[in-house]
Amino acid sequence: MREIKVIVVDPVGLHARPATVAVNAASKFKSEVNISYKERSINMKSIMGVMSLGIPTQSEITITCEGEDEDAAIQAIEDILKAQKVIG
């Protein structure tokens, strides 16, 4: 299992546009991908689940990947969130 903890720096938090891009990226991998915020863990392949977390700016989130392509999955999601300027 791979895990990263990151801080959301986007002034609006994790909002619909970058969340959609991240969900689409997570969906391309076979691994189980989860995002956690305030002790709630959600499947990152579900846009409704991710949006239900309501993640504001300056929040710490944890992304975990477990499965055969977990290394590639965690790296891709981190890169996409950085490219979308959601995390620093």
PDB file of N, CA and C in Angstrom:
ATOM      1  N   MET A   1       0.848  -1.191   0.000  1.00  0.00           N
ATOM      2  CA  MET A   1       0.000   0.000   0.000  1.00  0.00           C
ATOM      3  C   MET A   1       0.881   1.238   0.000  1.00  0.00           C
ATOM      4  N   ARG A   2       0.512   2.197  -0.802  1.00  0.00           N
ATOM      5  CA  ARG A   2       1.208   3.486  -0.863  1.00  0.00           C
ATOM      6  C   ARG A   2       0.271   4.554  -0.323  1.00  0.00           C
ATOM      7  N   GLU A   3       0.852   5.549   0.363  1.00  0.00           N
ATOM      8  CA  GLU A   3       0.050   6.604   0.978  1.00  0.00           C
ATOM      9  C   GLU A   3       0.814   7.916   0.926  1.00  0.00           C
ATOM     10  N   ILE A   4       0.098   8.994   0.622  1.00  0.00           N
ATOM     11  CA  ILE A   4       0.675  10.336   0.713  1.00  0.00           C
ATOM     12  C   ILE A   4      -0.286  11.222   1.490  1.00  0.00           C
ATOM     13  N   LYS A   5       0.295  12.159   2.233  1.00  0.00           N
ATOM     14  CA  LYS A   5      -0.490  13.187   2.932  1.00  0.00           C
ATOM     15  C   LYS A   5      -0.099  14.511   2.299  1.00  0.00           C
ATOM     16  N   VAL A   6      -1.092  15.281   1.893  1.00  0.00           N
ATOM     17  CA  VAL A   6      -0.851  16.552   1.229  1.00  0.00           C
ATOM     18  C   VAL A   6      -1.797  17.610   1.786  1.00  0.00           C
ATOM     19  N   ILE A   7      -1.430  18.874   1.574  1.00  0.00           N
ATOM     20  CA  ILE A   7      -2.254  20.009   1.995  1.00  0.00           C
ATOM     21  C   ILE A   7      -2.892  20.629   0.757  1.00  0.00           C
ATOM     22  N   VAL A   8      -4.193  20.851   0.813  1.00  0.00           N
ATOM     23  CA  VAL A   8      -4.922  21.503  -0.280  1.00  0.00           C
ATOM     24  C   VAL A   8      -4.620  22.998  -0.217  1.00  0.00           C
ATOM     25  N   VAL A   9      -4.050  23.548  -1.292  1.00  0.00           N
ATOM     26  CA  VAL A   9      -3.681  24.967  -1.312  1.00  0.00           C
ATOM     27  C   VAL A   9      -4.590  25.809  -2.207  1.00  0.00           C
ATOM     28  N   ASP A  10      -5.428  25.177  -3.009  1.00  0.00           N
ATOM     29  CA  ASP A  10      -6.354  25.930  -3.858  1.00  0.00           C
ATOM     30  C   ASP A  10      -7.272  26.748  -2.950  1.00  0.00           C
ATOM     31  N   PRO A  11      -7.416  28.061  -3.217  1.00  0.00           N
ATOM     32  CA  PRO A  11      -8.246  28.912  -2.354  1.00  0.00           C
ATOM     33  C   PRO A  11      -9.701  28.451  -2.243  1.00  0.00           C
ATOM     34  N   VAL A  12     -10.172  27.697  -3.220  1.00  0.00           N
ATOM     35  CA  VAL A  12     -11.551  27.215  -3.207  1.00  0.00           C
ATOM     36  C   VAL A  12     -11.638  25.804  -2.615  1.00  0.00           C
ATOM     37  N   GLY A  13     -10.506  25.188  -2.352  1.00  0.00           N
ATOM     38  CA  GLY A  13     -10.480  23.812  -1.864  1.00  0.00           C
ATOM     39  C   GLY A  13     -10.483  22.844  -3.033  1.00  0.00           C
ATOM     40  N   LEU A  14     -10.837  21.605  -2.764  1.00  0.00           N
ATOM     41  CA  LEU A  14     -10.915  20.597  -3.835  1.00  0.00           C
ATOM     42  C   LEU A  14     -12.301  20.701  -4.457  1.00  0.00           C
ATOM     43  N   HIS A  15     -12.391  21.494  -5.512  1.00  0.00           N
ATOM     44  CA  HIS A  15     -13.689  21.760  -6.144  1.00  0.00           C
ATOM     45  C   HIS A  15     -13.892  20.880  -7.373  1.00  0.00           C
ATOM     46  N   ALA A  16     -15.026  21.034  -8.030  1.00  0.00           N
ATOM     47  CA  ALA A  16     -15.493  20.098  -9.053  1.00  0.00           C
ATOM     48  C   ALA A  16     -14.519  19.860 -10.206  1.00  0.00           C
ATOM     49  N   ARG A  17     -13.962  20.908 -10.788  1.00  0.00           N
ATOM     50  CA  ARG A  17     -13.119  20.725 -11.970  1.00  0.00           C
ATOM     51  C   ARG A  17     -11.888  19.873 -11.681  1.00  0.00           C
ATOM     52  N   PRO A  18     -11.042  20.237 -10.701  1.00  0.00           N
ATOM     53  CA  PRO A  18      -9.878  19.385 -10.441  1.00  0.00           C
ATOM     54  C   PRO A  18     -10.257  18.028  -9.851  1.00  0.00           C
ATOM     55  N   ALA A  19     -11.357  17.958  -9.126  1.00  0.00           N
ATOM     56  CA  ALA A  19     -11.802  16.673  -8.581  1.00  0.00           C
ATOM     57  C   ALA A  19     -12.169  15.719  -9.720  1.00  0.00           C
ATOM     58  N   THR A  20     -12.819  16.245 -10.750  1.00  0.00           N
ATOM     59  CA  THR A  20     -13.185  15.425 -11.906  1.00  0.00           C
ATOM     60  C   THR A  20     -11.946  14.891 -12.609  1.00  0.00           C
ATOM     61  N   VAL A  21     -10.941  15.744 -12.776  1.00  0.00           N
ATOM     62  CA  VAL A  21      -9.692  15.322 -13.421  1.00  0.00           C
ATOM     63  C   VAL A  21      -9.021  14.226 -12.584  1.00  0.00           C
ATOM     64  N   ALA A  22      -8.991  14.391 -11.281  1.00  0.00           N
ATOM     65  CA  ALA A  22      -8.374  13.401 -10.388  1.00  0.00           C
ATOM     66  C   ALA A  22      -9.145  12.084 -10.399  1.00  0.00           C
ATOM     67  N   VAL A  23     -10.468  12.156 -10.388  1.00  0.00           N
ATOM     68  CA  VAL A  23     -11.307  10.946 -10.427  1.00  0.00           C
ATOM     69  C   VAL A  23     -11.081  10.196 -11.733  1.00  0.00           C
ATOM     70  N   ASN A  24     -11.024  10.923 -12.837  1.00  0.00           N
ATOM     71  CA  ASN A  24     -10.771  10.286 -14.132  1.00  0.00           C
ATOM     72  C   ASN A  24      -9.415   9.594 -14.146  1.00  0.00           C
ATOM     73  N   ALA A  25      -8.418  10.218 -13.549  1.00  0.00           N
ATOM     74  CA  ALA A  25      -7.081   9.615 -13.483  1.00  0.00           C
ATOM     75  C   ALA A  25      -7.112   8.364 -12.615  1.00  0.00           C
ATOM     76  N   ALA A  26      -7.745   8.444 -11.452  1.00  0.00           N
ATOM     77  CA  ALA A  26      -7.813   7.291 -10.536  1.00  0.00           C
ATOM     78  C   ALA A  26      -8.529   6.118 -11.193  1.00  0.00           C
ATOM     79  N   SER A  27      -9.526   6.420 -12.007  1.00  0.00           N
ATOM     80  CA  SER A  27     -10.334   5.371 -12.631  1.00  0.00           C
ATOM     81  C   SER A  27      -9.558   4.555 -13.661  1.00  0.00           C
ATOM     82  N   LYS A  28      -8.439   5.060 -14.115  1.00  0.00           N
ATOM     83  CA  LYS A  28      -7.634   4.361 -15.126  1.00  0.00           C
ATOM     84  C   LYS A  28      -6.783   3.247 -14.517  1.00  0.00           C
ATOM     85  N   PHE A  29      -6.711   3.188 -13.201  1.00  0.00           N
ATOM     86  CA  PHE A  29      -5.858   2.210 -12.539  1.00  0.00           C
ATOM     87  C   PHE A  29      -6.679   1.074 -11.941  1.00  0.00           C
ATOM     88  N   LYS A  30      -6.057  -0.107 -11.863  1.00  0.00           N
ATOM     89  CA  LYS A  30      -6.713  -1.276 -11.283  1.00  0.00           C
ATOM     90  C   LYS A  30      -6.706  -1.225  -9.764  1.00  0.00           C
ATOM     91  N   SER A  31      -5.743  -0.513  -9.190  1.00  0.00           N
ATOM     92  CA  SER A  31      -5.609  -0.433  -7.740  1.00  0.00           C
ATOM     93  C   SER A  31      -6.820   0.238  -7.106  1.00  0.00           C
ATOM     94  N   GLU A  32      -7.034  -0.082  -5.838  1.00  0.00           N
ATOM     95  CA  GLU A  32      -8.040   0.618  -5.048  1.00  0.00           C
ATOM     96  C   GLU A  32      -7.434   1.956  -4.647  1.00  0.00           C
ATOM     97  N   VAL A  33      -8.135   3.039  -4.920  1.00  0.00           N
ATOM     98  CA  VAL A  33      -7.639   4.386  -4.628  1.00  0.00           C
ATOM     99  C   VAL A  33      -8.651   5.069  -3.713  1.00  0.00           C
ATOM    100  N   ASN A  34      -8.171   5.553  -2.566  1.00  0.00           N
ATOM    101  CA  ASN A  34      -9.059   6.220  -1.602  1.00  0.00           C
ATOM    102  C   ASN A  34      -8.507   7.586  -1.224  1.00  0.00           C
ATOM    103  N   ILE A  35      -9.398   8.491  -0.914  1.00  0.00           N
ATOM    104  CA  ILE A  35      -9.029   9.808  -0.403  1.00  0.00           C
ATOM    105  C   ILE A  35      -9.688   9.944   0.969  1.00  0.00           C
ATOM    106  N   SER A  36      -8.908  10.419   1.943  1.00  0.00           N
ATOM    107  CA  SER A  36      -9.414  10.549   3.306  1.00  0.00           C
ATOM    108  C   SER A  36      -9.299  11.984   3.783  1.00  0.00           C
ATOM    109  N   TYR A  37     -10.344  12.432   4.486  1.00  0.00           N
ATOM    110  CA  TYR A  37     -10.384  13.761   5.068  1.00  0.00           C
ATOM    111  C   TYR A  37     -11.256  13.694   6.312  1.00  0.00           C
ATOM    112  N   LYS A  38     -10.739  14.184   7.419  1.00  0.00           N
ATOM    113  CA  LYS A  38     -11.475  14.181   8.697  1.00  0.00           C
ATOM    114  C   LYS A  38     -12.047  12.800   9.022  1.00  0.00           C
ATOM    115  N   GLU A  39     -11.195  11.812   8.988  1.00  0.00           N
ATOM    116  CA  GLU A  39     -11.539  10.440   9.367  1.00  0.00           C
ATOM    117  C   GLU A  39     -12.582   9.776   8.473  1.00  0.00           C
ATOM    118  N   ARG A  40     -12.892  10.379   7.321  1.00  0.00           N
ATOM    119  CA  ARG A  40     -13.775   9.745   6.336  1.00  0.00           C
ATOM    120  C   ARG A  40     -12.928   9.335   5.145  1.00  0.00           C
ATOM    121  N   SER A  41     -13.091   8.127   4.695  1.00  0.00           N
ATOM    122  CA  SER A  41     -12.351   7.619   3.548  1.00  0.00           C
ATOM    123  C   SER A  41     -13.334   7.260   2.443  1.00  0.00           C
ATOM    124  N   ILE A  42     -13.057   7.761   1.241  1.00  0.00           N
ATOM    125  CA  ILE A  42     -13.967   7.607   0.111  1.00  0.00           C
ATOM    126  C   ILE A  42     -13.200   7.037  -1.072  1.00  0.00           C
ATOM    127  N   ASN A  43     -13.874   6.231  -1.877  1.00  0.00           N
ATOM    128  CA  ASN A  43     -13.298   5.724  -3.116  1.00  0.00           C
ATOM    129  C   ASN A  43     -13.055   6.906  -4.056  1.00  0.00           C
ATOM    130  N   MET A  44     -11.805   7.092  -4.460  1.00  0.00           N
ATOM    131  CA  MET A  44     -11.458   8.249  -5.293  1.00  0.00           C
ATOM    132  C   MET A  44     -11.903   8.073  -6.749  1.00  0.00           C
ATOM    133  N   LYS A  45     -12.511   6.965  -7.065  1.00  0.00           N
ATOM    134  CA  LYS A  45     -13.026   6.755  -8.417  1.00  0.00           C
ATOM    135  C   LYS A  45     -14.478   7.210  -8.528  1.00  0.00           C
ATOM    136  N   SER A  46     -15.011   7.793  -7.459  1.00  0.00           N
ATOM    137  CA  SER A  46     -16.398   8.266  -7.418  1.00  0.00           C
ATOM    138  C   SER A  46     -16.425   9.786  -7.233  1.00  0.00           C
ATOM    139  N   ILE A  47     -16.851  10.510  -8.255  1.00  0.00           N
ATOM    140  CA  ILE A  47     -16.887  11.977  -8.163  1.00  0.00           C
ATOM    141  C   ILE A  47     -17.863  12.421  -7.072  1.00  0.00           C
ATOM    142  N   MET A  48     -18.975  11.735  -6.939  1.00  0.00           N
ATOM    143  CA  MET A  48     -19.942  12.117  -5.904  1.00  0.00           C
ATOM    144  C   MET A  48     -19.346  11.894  -4.512  1.00  0.00           C
ATOM    145  N   GLY A  49     -18.607  10.817  -4.358  1.00  0.00           N
ATOM    146  CA  GLY A  49     -17.956  10.544  -3.087  1.00  0.00           C
ATOM    147  C   GLY A  49     -16.926  11.599  -2.740  1.00  0.00           C
ATOM    148  N   VAL A  50     -16.074  11.939  -3.711  1.00  0.00           N
ATOM    149  CA  VAL A  50     -15.031  12.943  -3.484  1.00  0.00           C
ATOM    150  C   VAL A  50     -15.667  14.291  -3.154  1.00  0.00           C
ATOM    151  N   MET A  51     -16.676  14.682  -3.900  1.00  0.00           N
ATOM    152  CA  MET A  51     -17.318  15.971  -3.659  1.00  0.00           C
ATOM    153  C   MET A  51     -18.048  15.991  -2.312  1.00  0.00           C
ATOM    154  N   SER A  52     -18.521  14.837  -1.852  1.00  0.00           N
ATOM    155  CA  SER A  52     -19.243  14.784  -0.582  1.00  0.00           C
ATOM    156  C   SER A  52     -18.344  15.096   0.615  1.00  0.00           C
ATOM    157  N   LEU A  53     -17.030  14.990   0.423  1.00  0.00           N
ATOM    158  CA  LEU A  53     -16.104  15.303   1.509  1.00  0.00           C
ATOM    159  C   LEU A  53     -16.046  16.807   1.794  1.00  0.00           C
ATOM    160  N   GLY A  54     -16.339  17.645   0.791  1.00  0.00           N
ATOM    161  CA  GLY A  54     -16.340  19.097   0.989  1.00  0.00           C
ATOM    162  C   GLY A  54     -15.000  19.619   1.502  1.00  0.00           C
ATOM    163  N   ILE A  55     -13.921  19.280   0.823  1.00  0.00           N
ATOM    164  CA  ILE A  55     -12.578  19.590   1.309  1.00  0.00           C
ATOM    165  C   ILE A  55     -12.228  21.065   1.050  1.00  0.00           C
ATOM    166  N   PRO A  56     -12.068  21.857   2.124  1.00  0.00           N
ATOM    167  CA  PRO A  56     -11.720  23.274   1.961  1.00  0.00           C
ATOM    168  C   PRO A  56     -10.202  23.480   1.836  1.00  0.00           C
ATOM    169  N   THR A  57      -9.828  24.712   1.537  1.00  0.00           N
ATOM    170  CA  THR A  57      -8.408  25.047   1.436  1.00  0.00           C
ATOM    171  C   THR A  57      -7.719  24.858   2.791  1.00  0.00           C
ATOM    172  N   GLN A  58      -6.423  24.602   2.732  1.00  0.00           N
ATOM    173  CA  GLN A  58      -5.566  24.393   3.907  1.00  0.00           C
ATOM    174  C   GLN A  58      -5.919  23.135   4.694  1.00  0.00           C
ATOM    175  N   SER A  59      -6.576  22.186   4.051  1.00  0.00           N
ATOM    176  CA  SER A  59      -6.921  20.917   4.695  1.00  0.00           C
ATOM    177  C   SER A  59      -5.879  19.865   4.349  1.00  0.00           C
ATOM    178  N   GLU A  60      -5.603  18.991   5.311  1.00  0.00           N
ATOM    179  CA  GLU A  60      -4.724  17.856   5.028  1.00  0.00           C
ATOM    180  C   GLU A  60      -5.581  16.688   4.568  1.00  0.00           C
ATOM    181  N   ILE A  61      -5.209  16.126   3.422  1.00  0.00           N
ATOM    182  CA  ILE A  61      -5.898  14.945   2.915  1.00  0.00           C
ATOM    183  C   ILE A  61      -4.882  13.818   2.771  1.00  0.00           C
ATOM    184  N   THR A  62      -5.369  12.610   2.812  1.00  0.00           N
ATOM    185  CA  THR A  62      -4.523  11.428   2.631  1.00  0.00           C
ATOM    186  C   THR A  62      -5.060  10.652   1.435  1.00  0.00           C
ATOM    187  N   ILE A  63      -4.152  10.301   0.536  1.00  0.00           N
ATOM    188  CA  ILE A  63      -4.512   9.500  -0.627  1.00  0.00           C
ATOM    189  C   ILE A  63      -3.785   8.167  -0.494  1.00  0.00           C
ATOM    190  N   THR A  64      -4.533   7.077  -0.596  1.00  0.00           N
ATOM    191  CA  THR A  64      -3.934   5.751  -0.496  1.00  0.00           C
ATOM    192  C   THR A  64      -4.263   4.946  -1.746  1.00  0.00           C
ATOM    193  N   CYS A  65      -3.301   4.149  -2.156  1.00  0.00           N
ATOM    194  CA  CYS A  65      -3.473   3.257  -3.297  1.00  0.00           C
ATOM    195  C   CYS A  65      -3.001   1.870  -2.888  1.00  0.00           C
ATOM    196  N   GLU A  66      -3.778   0.860  -3.231  1.00  0.00           N
ATOM    197  CA  GLU A  66      -3.394  -0.509  -2.933  1.00  0.00           C
ATOM    198  C   GLU A  66      -3.783  -1.399  -4.097  1.00  0.00           C
ATOM    199  N   GLY A  67      -2.785  -2.081  -4.647  1.00  0.00           N
ATOM    200  CA  GLY A  67      -3.045  -2.989  -5.765  1.00  0.00           C
ATOM    201  C   GLY A  67      -1.820  -3.133  -6.637  1.00  0.00           C
ATOM    202  N   GLU A  68      -2.018  -3.786  -7.760  1.00  0.00           N
ATOM    203  CA  GLU A  68      -0.890  -4.127  -8.620  1.00  0.00           C
ATOM    204  C   GLU A  68      -0.199  -2.930  -9.264  1.00  0.00           C
ATOM    205  N   ASP A  69      -0.898  -1.825  -9.460  1.00  0.00           N
ATOM    206  CA  ASP A  69      -0.277  -0.644 -10.078  1.00  0.00           C
ATOM    207  C   ASP A  69      -0.293   0.558  -9.128  1.00  0.00           C
ATOM    208  N   GLU A  70      -0.164   0.285  -7.821  1.00  0.00           N
ATOM    209  CA  GLU A  70      -0.279   1.341  -6.806  1.00  0.00           C
ATOM    210  C   GLU A  70       0.779   2.423  -6.941  1.00  0.00           C
ATOM    211  N   ASP A  71       2.010   2.059  -7.315  1.00  0.00           N
ATOM    212  CA  ASP A  71       3.069   3.059  -7.456  1.00  0.00           C
ATOM    213  C   ASP A  71       2.742   4.068  -8.559  1.00  0.00           C
ATOM    214  N   ALA A  72       2.332   3.557  -9.700  1.00  0.00           N
ATOM    215  CA  ALA A  72       1.969   4.431 -10.816  1.00  0.00           C
ATOM    216  C   ALA A  72       0.736   5.262 -10.481  1.00  0.00           C
ATOM    217  N   ALA A  73      -0.222   4.652  -9.800  1.00  0.00           N
ATOM    218  CA  ALA A  73      -1.468   5.347  -9.465  1.00  0.00           C
ATOM    219  C   ALA A  73      -1.211   6.523  -8.529  1.00  0.00           C
ATOM    220  N   ILE A  74      -0.462   6.286  -7.459  1.00  0.00           N
ATOM    221  CA  ILE A  74      -0.235   7.360  -6.481  1.00  0.00           C
ATOM    222  C   ILE A  74       0.554   8.501  -7.117  1.00  0.00           C
ATOM    223  N   GLN A  75       1.529   8.161  -7.963  1.00  0.00           N
ATOM    224  CA  GLN A  75       2.335   9.191  -8.621  1.00  0.00           C
ATOM    225  C   GLN A  75       1.490  10.009  -9.594  1.00  0.00           C
ATOM    226  N   ALA A  76       0.662   9.334 -10.369  1.00  0.00           N
ATOM    227  CA  ALA A  76      -0.184  10.027 -11.345  1.00  0.00           C
ATOM    228  C   ALA A  76      -1.164  10.970 -10.660  1.00  0.00           C
ATOM    229  N   ILE A  77      -1.781  10.518  -9.587  1.00  0.00           N
ATOM    230  CA  ILE A  77      -2.758  11.356  -8.889  1.00  0.00           C
ATOM    231  C   ILE A  77      -2.076  12.556  -8.246  1.00  0.00           C
ATOM    232  N   GLU A  78      -0.914  12.336  -7.629  1.00  0.00           N
ATOM    233  CA  GLU A  78      -0.173  13.458  -7.050  1.00  0.00           C
ATOM    234  C   GLU A  78       0.213  14.466  -8.129  1.00  0.00           C
ATOM    235  N   ASP A  79       0.706  13.980  -9.258  1.00  0.00           N
ATOM    236  CA  ASP A  79       1.102  14.865 -10.360  1.00  0.00           C
ATOM    237  C   ASP A  79      -0.086  15.661 -10.892  1.00  0.00           C
ATOM    238  N   ILE A  80      -1.227  15.018 -11.022  1.00  0.00           N
ATOM    239  CA  ILE A  80      -2.422  15.694 -11.541  1.00  0.00           C
ATOM    240  C   ILE A  80      -2.914  16.757 -10.570  1.00  0.00           C
ATOM    241  N   LEU A  81      -2.927  16.449  -9.272  1.00  0.00           N
ATOM    242  CA  LEU A  81      -3.366  17.445  -8.288  1.00  0.00           C
ATOM    243  C   LEU A  81      -2.410  18.635  -8.244  1.00  0.00           C
ATOM    244  N   LYS A  82      -1.111  18.391  -8.437  1.00  0.00           N
ATOM    245  CA  LYS A  82      -0.142  19.488  -8.512  1.00  0.00           C
ATOM    246  C   LYS A  82      -0.359  20.307  -9.780  1.00  0.00           C
ATOM    247  N   ALA A  83      -0.572  19.637 -10.897  1.00  0.00           N
ATOM    248  CA  ALA A  83      -0.802  20.340 -12.176  1.00  0.00           C
ATOM    249  C   ALA A  83      -2.069  21.188 -12.130  1.00  0.00           C
ATOM    250  N   GLN A  84      -3.071  20.729 -11.394  1.00  0.00           N
ATOM    251  CA  GLN A  84      -4.324  21.479 -11.232  1.00  0.00           C
ATOM    252  C   GLN A  84      -4.213  22.547 -10.148  1.00  0.00           C
ATOM    253  N   LYS A  85      -3.027  22.625  -9.528  1.00  0.00           N
ATOM    254  CA  LYS A  85      -2.748  23.602  -8.467  1.00  0.00           C
ATOM    255  C   LYS A  85      -3.661  23.422  -7.244  1.00  0.00           C
ATOM    256  N   VAL A  86      -4.049  22.177  -6.995  1.00  0.00           N
ATOM    257  CA  VAL A  86      -4.854  21.867  -5.816  1.00  0.00           C
ATOM    258  C   VAL A  86      -3.951  21.675  -4.614  1.00  0.00           C
ATOM    259  N   ILE A  87      -2.804  21.040  -4.846  1.00  0.00           N
ATOM    260  CA  ILE A  87      -1.817  20.836  -3.778  1.00  0.00           C
ATOM    261  C   ILE A  87      -0.523  21.519  -4.174  1.00  0.00           C
ATOM    262  N   GLY A  88       0.314  21.821  -3.164  1.00  0.00           N
ATOM    263  CA  GLY A  88       1.581  22.506  -3.424  1.00  0.00           C
ATOM    264  C   GLY A  88       2.695  21.604  -3.840  1.00  0.00           C
TER     265      GLY A  88
END
